[in-house]
C-alpha atoms as a PDB file:
ATOM      1  CA  MET A   1     -57.213 -18.918  -0.193  1.00  0.00           C
ATOM      2  CA  ALA A   2     -61.288 -19.659   0.532  1.00  0.00           C
ATOM      3  CA  PHE A   3     -63.039 -19.767   3.325  1.00  0.00           C
ATOM      4  CA  GLY A   4     -66.517 -20.393   4.273  1.00  0.00           C
ATOM      5  CA  LYS A   5     -69.110 -19.553   6.878  1.00  0.00           C
ATOM      6  CA  LEU A   6     -70.185 -22.196   8.863  1.00  0.00           C
ATOM      7  CA  ASP A   7     -73.673 -21.864   8.679  1.00  0.00           C
ATOM      8  CA  GLY A   8     -73.634 -23.086   4.990  1.00  0.00           C
ATOM      9  CA  ASP A   9     -77.044 -21.075   4.085  1.00  0.00           C
ATOM     10  CA  ASP A  10     -74.281 -18.695   1.768  1.00  0.00           C
ATOM     11  CA  ASP A  11     -72.202 -19.640  -0.110  1.00  0.00           C
ATOM     12  CA  ASP A  12     -70.491 -16.574  -0.801  1.00  0.00           C
ATOM     13  CA  VAL A  13     -67.056 -17.116  -0.552  1.00  0.00           C
ATOM     14  CA  MET A  14     -64.901 -15.078   1.846  1.00  0.00           C
ATOM     15  CA  SER A  15     -62.356 -13.115   1.055  1.00  0.00           C
ATOM     16  CA  GLN A  16     -60.020 -11.573   3.745  1.00  0.00           C
ATOM     17  CA  ILE A  17     -56.532 -12.436   4.951  1.00  0.00           C
ATOM     18  CA  ASN A  18     -56.912 -13.256   8.231  1.00  0.00           C
ATOM     19  CA  MET A  19     -54.040 -10.462   9.594  1.00  0.00           C
ATOM     20  CA  THR A  20     -54.041 -11.766  13.247  1.00  0.00           C
ATOM     21  CA  PRO A  21     -51.200 -15.222  12.937  1.00  0.00           C
ATOM     22  CA  LEU A  22     -48.838 -12.822  10.784  1.00  0.00           C
ATOM     23  CA  ILE A  23     -48.737 -10.070  13.574  1.00  0.00           C
ATOM     24  CA  ASP A  24     -48.181 -12.684  16.406  1.00  0.00           C
ATOM     25  CA  VAL A  25     -45.009 -14.312  14.485  1.00  0.00           C
ATOM     26  CA  MET A  26     -44.109 -10.345  13.979  1.00  0.00           C
ATOM     27  CA  LEU A  27     -43.832  -9.646  17.499  1.00  0.00           C
ATOM     28  CA  VAL A  28     -42.903 -13.603  18.605  1.00  0.00           C
ATOM     29  CA  LEU A  29     -40.199 -12.482  15.652  1.00  0.00           C
ATOM     30  CA  LEU A  30     -39.008  -8.765  17.587  1.00  0.00           C
ATOM     31  CA  ILE A  31     -39.424 -10.085  21.275  1.00  0.00           C
ATOM     32  CA  ILE A  32     -36.584 -12.907  20.031  1.00  0.00           C
ATOM     33  CA  PHE A  33     -34.625 -10.022  18.723  1.00  0.00           C
ATOM     34  CA  ILE A  34     -34.995  -7.621  21.888  1.00  0.00           C
ATOM     35  CA  ILE A  35     -33.622 -10.852  23.548  1.00  0.00           C
ATOM     36  CA  THR A  36     -30.634 -11.563  22.152  1.00  0.00           C
ATOM     37  CA  ILE A  37     -29.685  -8.563  20.550  1.00  0.00           C
ATOM     38  CA  PRO A  38     -28.452  -7.206  24.127  1.00  0.00           C
ATOM     39  CA  VAL A  39     -26.808 -10.897  24.209  1.00  0.00           C
ATOM     40  CA  ILE A  40     -24.177 -10.532  21.905  1.00  0.00           C
ATOM     41  CA  HIS A  41     -22.839  -7.129  22.730  1.00  0.00           C
ATOM     42  CA  GLN A  42     -22.773  -7.873  26.306  1.00  0.00           C
ATOM     43  CA  ALA A  43     -18.630  -9.003  26.525  1.00  0.00           C
ATOM     44  CA  VAL A  44     -15.561  -8.550  29.143  1.00  0.00           C
ATOM     45  CA  GLU A  45     -14.170  -5.771  29.723  1.00  0.00           C
ATOM     46  CA  ILE A  46     -10.870  -4.920  29.389  1.00  0.00           C
ATOM     47  CA  ASP A  47      -8.220  -2.787  29.085  1.00  0.00           C
ATOM     48  CA  LEU A  48      -6.140  -3.195  26.631  1.00  0.00           C
ATOM     49  CA  PRO A  49      -2.881  -1.691  25.810  1.00  0.00           C
ATOM     50  CA  ARG A  50      -2.574   0.974  23.594  1.00  0.00           C
ATOM     51  CA  ALA A  51       0.128   0.752  20.703  1.00  0.00           C
ATOM     52  CA  THR A  52       1.315   2.915  16.924  1.00  0.00           C
ATOM     53  CA  ASN A  53       1.803   1.334  13.944  1.00  0.00           C
ATOM     54  CA  GLN A  54       3.915   3.423  11.974  1.00  0.00           C
ATOM     55  CA  PRO A  55       6.153   1.392   9.121  1.00  0.00           C
ATOM     56  CA  ASN A  56       9.557   1.189   9.502  1.00  0.00           C
ATOM     57  CA  ASP A  57      10.319   1.687   5.751  1.00  0.00           C
ATOM     58  CA  SER A  58      13.437   4.020   6.240  1.00  0.00           C
ATOM     59  CA  LYS A  59      15.018   5.022   2.981  1.00  0.00           C
ATOM     60  CA  PRO A  60      18.762   4.707   2.359  1.00  0.00           C
ATOM     61  CA  GLN A  61      21.067   7.947   0.699  1.00  0.00           C
ATOM     62  CA  ASN A  62      20.912   8.397  -2.736  1.00  0.00           C
ATOM     63  CA  ILE A  63      23.568   8.713  -4.106  1.00  0.00           C
ATOM     64  CA  ASN A  64      24.523  11.690  -6.794  1.00  0.00           C
ATOM     65  CA  VAL A  65      28.148  10.249  -8.933  1.00  0.00           C
ATOM     66  CA  SER A  66      28.410  13.792 -11.230  1.00  0.00           C
ATOM     67  CA  ILE A  67      30.814  13.084 -15.073  1.00  0.00           C
ATOM     68  CA  ASP A  68      31.610  17.210 -15.441  1.00  0.00           C
ATOM     69  CA  ALA A  69      32.090  18.063 -19.372  1.00  0.00           C
ATOM     70  CA  GLN A  70      35.977  17.614 -18.417  1.00  0.00           C
ATOM     71  CA  GLY A  71      35.704  13.950 -17.802  1.00  0.00           C
ATOM     72  CA  LYS A  72      35.667  14.511 -14.041  1.00  0.00           C
ATOM     73  CA  MET A  73      33.241  12.252 -11.989  1.00  0.00           C
ATOM     74  CA  TYR A  74      32.217  13.462  -8.013  1.00  0.00           C
ATOM     75  CA  TRP A  75      29.924  11.787  -5.625  1.00  0.00           C
ATOM     76  CA  ASN A  76      27.806  13.072  -3.845  1.00  0.00           C
ATOM     77  CA  GLN A  77      30.082  16.992  -5.209  1.00  0.00           C
ATOM     78  CA  GLN A  78      33.492  16.141  -3.650  1.00  0.00           C
ATOM     79  CA  GLU A  79      35.562  14.542  -6.374  1.00  0.00           C
ATOM     80  CA  VAL A  80      37.120  11.274  -7.268  1.00  0.00           C
ATOM     81  CA  ASP A  81      39.115   8.858  -9.034  1.00  0.00           C
ATOM     82  CA  GLU A  82      37.659   5.787 -10.808  1.00  0.00           C
ATOM     83  CA  ALA A  83      39.180   3.300  -7.861  1.00  0.00           C
ATOM     84  CA  THR A  84      38.474   5.736  -5.272  1.00  0.00           C
ATOM     85  CA  LEU A  85      34.329   4.787  -7.304  1.00  0.00           C
ATOM     86  CA  ASP A  86      34.491   1.697  -7.083  1.00  0.00           C
ATOM     87  CA  GLN A  87      35.801   1.068  -3.900  1.00  0.00           C
ATOM     88  CA  ARG A  88      32.147   3.586  -3.110  1.00  0.00           C
ATOM     89  CA  ILE A  89      30.284   1.939  -5.009  1.00  0.00           C
ATOM     90  CA  ALA A  90      31.652  -1.781  -3.783  1.00  0.00           C
ATOM     91  CA  GLU A  91      30.286  -0.184  -0.004  1.00  0.00           C
ATOM     92  CA  ALA A  92      27.026   1.199  -1.599  1.00  0.00           C
ATOM     93  CA  ALA A  93      26.410  -1.818  -2.234  1.00  0.00           C
ATOM     94  CA  GLN A  94      27.272  -3.871   0.373  1.00  0.00           C
ATOM     95  CA  GLN A  95      24.242  -0.891   2.204  1.00  0.00           C
ATOM     96  CA  GLN A  96      21.073  -2.367   3.296  1.00  0.00           C
ATOM     97  CA  PRO A  97      18.486  -1.097   1.406  1.00  0.00           C
ATOM     98  CA  GLN A  98      20.771  -0.882  -1.443  1.00  0.00           C
ATOM     99  CA  PRO A  99      20.614   3.461  -2.212  1.00  0.00           C
ATOM    100  CA  GLU A 100      19.337   4.313  -5.230  1.00  0.00           C
ATOM    101  CA  LEU A 101      22.419   6.244  -7.570  1.00  0.00           C
ATOM    102  CA  HIS A 102      21.833   9.363  -8.944  1.00  0.00           C
ATOM    103  CA  LEU A 103      23.686  10.119 -11.893  1.00  0.00           C
ATOM    104  CA  ARG A 104      24.117  13.406 -13.546  1.00  0.00           C
ATOM    105  CA  ALA A 105      25.989  14.041 -16.427  1.00  0.00           C
ATOM    106  CA  ASP A 106      27.029  17.215 -18.513  1.00  0.00           C
ATOM    107  CA  ARG A 107      25.783  16.893 -22.489  1.00  0.00           C
ATOM    108  CA  ASP A 108      29.078  17.139 -23.757  1.00  0.00           C
ATOM    109  CA  VAL A 109      31.081  14.568 -22.123  1.00  0.00           C
ATOM    110  CA  ARG A 110      31.757  11.880 -23.705  1.00  0.00           C
ATOM    111  CA  TYR A 111      29.398   8.764 -23.431  1.00  0.00           C
ATOM    112  CA  GLU A 112      32.706   6.567 -23.382  1.00  0.00           C
ATOM    113  CA  ARG A 113      33.349   8.516 -19.011  1.00  0.00           C
ATOM    114  CA  VAL A 114      28.469   7.728 -18.550  1.00  0.00           C
ATOM    115  CA  ALA A 115      29.146   3.589 -20.082  1.00  0.00           C
ATOM    116  CA  LYS A 116      32.341   3.765 -17.237  1.00  0.00           C
ATOM    117  CA  VAL A 117      29.632   5.037 -14.936  1.00  0.00           C
ATOM    118  CA  MET A 118      27.366   2.252 -15.528  1.00  0.00           C
ATOM    119  CA  ALA A 119      29.477  -0.214 -15.806  1.00  0.00           C
ATOM    120  CA  ALA A 120      30.892   0.253 -11.885  1.00  0.00           C
ATOM    121  CA  ALA A 121      27.215   0.292 -10.392  1.00  0.00           C
ATOM    122  CA  GLN A 122      26.542  -3.271 -12.575  1.00  0.00           C
ATOM    123  CA  HIS A 123      29.538  -4.558 -11.246  1.00  0.00           C
ATOM    124  CA  GLY A 124      30.022  -3.253  -7.627  1.00  0.00           C
ATOM    125  CA  GLY A 125      26.575  -4.833  -6.922  1.00  0.00           C
ATOM    126  CA  LEU A 126      24.345  -1.404  -7.043  1.00  0.00           C
ATOM    127  CA  GLY A 127      21.183  -2.863  -9.129  1.00  0.00           C
ATOM    128  CA  LYS A 128      19.347   0.929  -9.121  1.00  0.00           C
ATOM    129  CA  ILE A 129      20.907   3.552 -11.238  1.00  0.00           C
ATOM    130  CA  GLY A 130      18.803   6.675 -11.788  1.00  0.00           C
ATOM    131  CA  PHE A 131      20.209   9.392 -15.176  1.00  0.00           C
ATOM    132  CA  ILE A 132      18.783  13.010 -13.706  1.00  0.00           C
ATOM    133  CA  THR A 133      18.203  15.897 -16.533  1.00  0.00           C
ATOM    134  CA  GLU A 134      17.227  19.047 -17.018  1.00  0.00           C
ATOM    135  CA  PRO A 135      13.367  19.916 -18.490  1.00  0.00           C
ATOM    136  CA  ARG A 136      13.307  21.623 -21.410  1.00  0.00           C
ATOM    137  CA  HIS A 137      12.105  25.061 -20.698  1.00  0.00           C
END
């Protein structure tokens, strides 16, 4: 924008911006912010109750079923037969949350014995079966 002088003698154009209106607007905005910020943060003082929030994740005990080289089955290091194993699997399947069955089998045991334990777990209603192995050295 070009502004001229009031006297008509001089035809020079004024090339400077008048900063006074910009400073006035800035000061007005500053005063508005100074007034409104304490109003925003003002709240009613209330002493709220305190509580702890800890997750209630209770993990069930894992069931260890072991089969030795002779084909004997162990439920948590206690020897069991097939009927007892089926009964304990059915009881474990009723628990909430369901425990996980960890199956440990000797490397010389027949696969048929391992398959019978897996089938008993499936028929009993256990959904999680894990195989425990030894790492190679």
